[in-house]
């Protein structure tokens, strides 16, 4: 009877150890977890910038042979129903540009100060 209890205990422990080590090592080998977190972070920033009508500066991946990112700035119009793309009204020439969220490398949002608000420092 004692032998069966020990086998069950060691079996449970070995399963627990295997599962925990797999969970620990998975993020190191699987970039999709980090990419999905980054896309969600970009999506939040884009929605915030659109709601506040703030100026956004975005680095976008290009198809050029040098693979240098393009930096563009403008105002994000309301994001589309499809969360994978958004429309940017360019600051320099007021043109509209549709950008895929997967092509964004970095995004910075420049928040405007609201008139009439007193800021405490």
Protein backbone atom coordinates (compact mmCIF):
# COMPACT_ATOMS: atom_id res chain seq x y z
CA UNK A 1 0.00 0.00 0.00
CA UNK A 2 2.83 2.37 0.92
CA UNK A 3 4.58 1.61 -2.37
CA UNK A 4 1.51 2.73 -4.39
CA UNK A 5 1.33 5.99 -2.42
CA UNK A 6 5.02 6.68 -3.09
CA UNK A 7 4.57 5.95 -6.80
CA UNK A 8 1.59 8.31 -6.99
CA UNK A 9 3.51 11.01 -5.11
CA UNK A 10 6.58 10.71 -7.32
CA UNK A 11 4.40 10.51 -10.43
CA UNK A 12 2.57 13.69 -9.40
CA UNK A 13 5.85 15.44 -8.61
CA UNK A 14 7.42 14.47 -11.95
CA UNK A 15 4.35 15.71 -13.86
CA UNK A 16 4.39 18.98 -11.92
CA UNK A 17 8.11 19.44 -12.57
CA UNK A 18 7.69 18.73 -16.29
CA UNK A 19 4.80 21.16 -16.70
CA UNK A 20 6.48 23.94 -14.75
CA UNK A 21 9.74 23.62 -16.71
CA UNK A 22 7.80 23.68 -20.00
CA UNK A 23 5.94 26.83 -18.94
CA UNK A 24 9.22 28.42 -17.87
CA UNK A 25 11.11 27.63 -21.07
CA UNK A 26 8.32 28.28 -23.57
CA UNK A 27 8.65 32.09 -23.64
CA UNK A 28 12.37 31.79 -24.40
CA UNK A 29 11.72 29.73 -27.52
CA UNK A 30 8.37 31.17 -28.61
CA UNK A 31 8.48 34.75 -29.91
CA UNK A 32 4.76 34.80 -30.66
CA UNK A 33 4.02 35.47 -26.98
CA UNK A 34 6.19 38.61 -27.00
CA UNK A 35 4.84 39.71 -30.37
CA UNK A 36 1.23 39.41 -29.26
CA UNK A 37 2.00 41.43 -26.11
CA UNK A 38 3.71 44.09 -28.20
CA UNK A 39 0.82 44.25 -30.68
CA UNK A 40 -1.65 44.63 -27.82
CA UNK A 41 0.47 47.44 -26.37
CA UNK A 42 0.55 49.19 -29.77
CA UNK A 43 -3.21 48.74 -30.12
CA UNK A 44 -3.79 50.42 -26.72
CA UNK A 45 -1.53 53.36 -27.64
CA UNK A 46 -3.27 53.78 -30.99
CA UNK A 47 -6.74 53.77 -29.42
CA UNK A 48 -5.62 56.30 -26.79
CA UNK A 49 -4.07 58.60 -29.41
CA UNK A 50 -7.22 58.40 -31.54
CA UNK A 51 -9.47 59.18 -28.57
CA UNK A 52 -7.35 62.14 -27.44
CA UNK A 53 -6.62 63.35 -30.98
CA UNK A 54 -2.92 63.37 -30.09
CA UNK A 55 0.00 63.55 -32.48
CA UNK A 56 1.67 60.16 -32.98
CA UNK A 57 5.17 59.41 -34.23
CA UNK A 58 5.45 55.93 -35.70
CA UNK A 59 8.30 53.82 -37.04
CA UNK A 60 7.05 51.53 -39.78
CA UNK A 61 8.87 48.58 -41.37
CA UNK A 62 9.62 49.13 -45.05
CA UNK A 63 10.24 46.82 -47.97
CA UNK A 64 13.42 48.62 -48.97
CA UNK A 65 16.56 46.52 -49.45
CA UNK A 66 18.27 48.35 -46.56
CA UNK A 67 15.39 47.40 -44.20
CA UNK A 68 15.53 50.80 -42.55
CA UNK A 69 12.27 51.79 -40.86
CA UNK A 70 10.35 54.83 -42.06
CA UNK A 71 9.41 57.42 -39.43
CA UNK A 72 6.09 59.16 -39.98
CA UNK A 73 3.99 61.47 -37.85
CA UNK A 74 0.36 62.45 -37.85
CA UNK A 75 -2.99 62.00 -36.20
CA UNK A 76 -4.62 58.61 -35.88
CA UNK A 77 -8.16 58.66 -37.09
CA UNK A 78 -10.62 56.37 -35.41
CA UNK A 79 -9.26 52.89 -35.66
CA UNK A 80 -11.15 50.58 -37.96
CA UNK A 81 -13.37 47.71 -36.93
CA UNK A 82 -10.50 45.48 -37.94
CA UNK A 83 -7.99 45.87 -35.11
CA UNK A 84 -5.08 44.97 -37.38
CA UNK A 85 -5.01 48.25 -39.34
CA UNK A 86 -5.45 51.93 -38.65
CA UNK A 87 -5.54 55.18 -40.62
CA UNK A 88 -3.00 57.96 -40.06
CA UNK A 89 -3.49 61.51 -41.32
CA UNK A 90 0.06 62.59 -42.11
CA UNK A 91 1.28 65.80 -40.51
CA UNK A 92 3.37 67.02 -43.45
CA UNK A 93 0.82 66.85 -46.28
CA UNK A 94 -2.50 65.82 -44.69
CA UNK A 95 -2.67 62.63 -46.77
CA UNK A 96 -4.34 59.54 -45.35
CA UNK A 97 -2.31 56.39 -44.97
CA UNK A 98 -3.50 52.96 -43.91
CA UNK A 99 -0.96 51.12 -41.78
CA UNK A 100 -0.96 47.48 -40.72
CA UNK A 101 -0.35 47.00 -37.01
CA UNK A 102 2.13 44.19 -37.73
CA UNK A 103 4.35 46.68 -39.62
CA UNK A 104 4.72 49.06 -36.65
CA UNK A 105 8.10 48.88 -34.93
CA UNK A 106 7.67 51.75 -32.41
CA UNK A 107 5.03 54.29 -31.54
CA UNK A 108 5.17 57.44 -29.43
CA UNK A 109 2.19 59.59 -28.59
CA UNK A 110 2.59 63.30 -27.88
CA UNK A 111 -0.23 64.27 -25.56
CA UNK A 112 -1.67 67.76 -25.71
CA UNK A 113 -2.15 69.87 -22.62
CA UNK A 114 -5.79 70.61 -22.08
CA UNK A 115 -6.54 74.36 -21.89
CA UNK A 116 -7.90 75.60 -18.60
CA UNK A 117 -6.34 72.77 -16.58
CA UNK A 118 -3.83 73.68 -13.90
CA UNK A 119 -1.05 71.20 -13.49
CA UNK A 120 0.48 70.63 -10.07
CA UNK A 121 4.20 70.00 -10.08
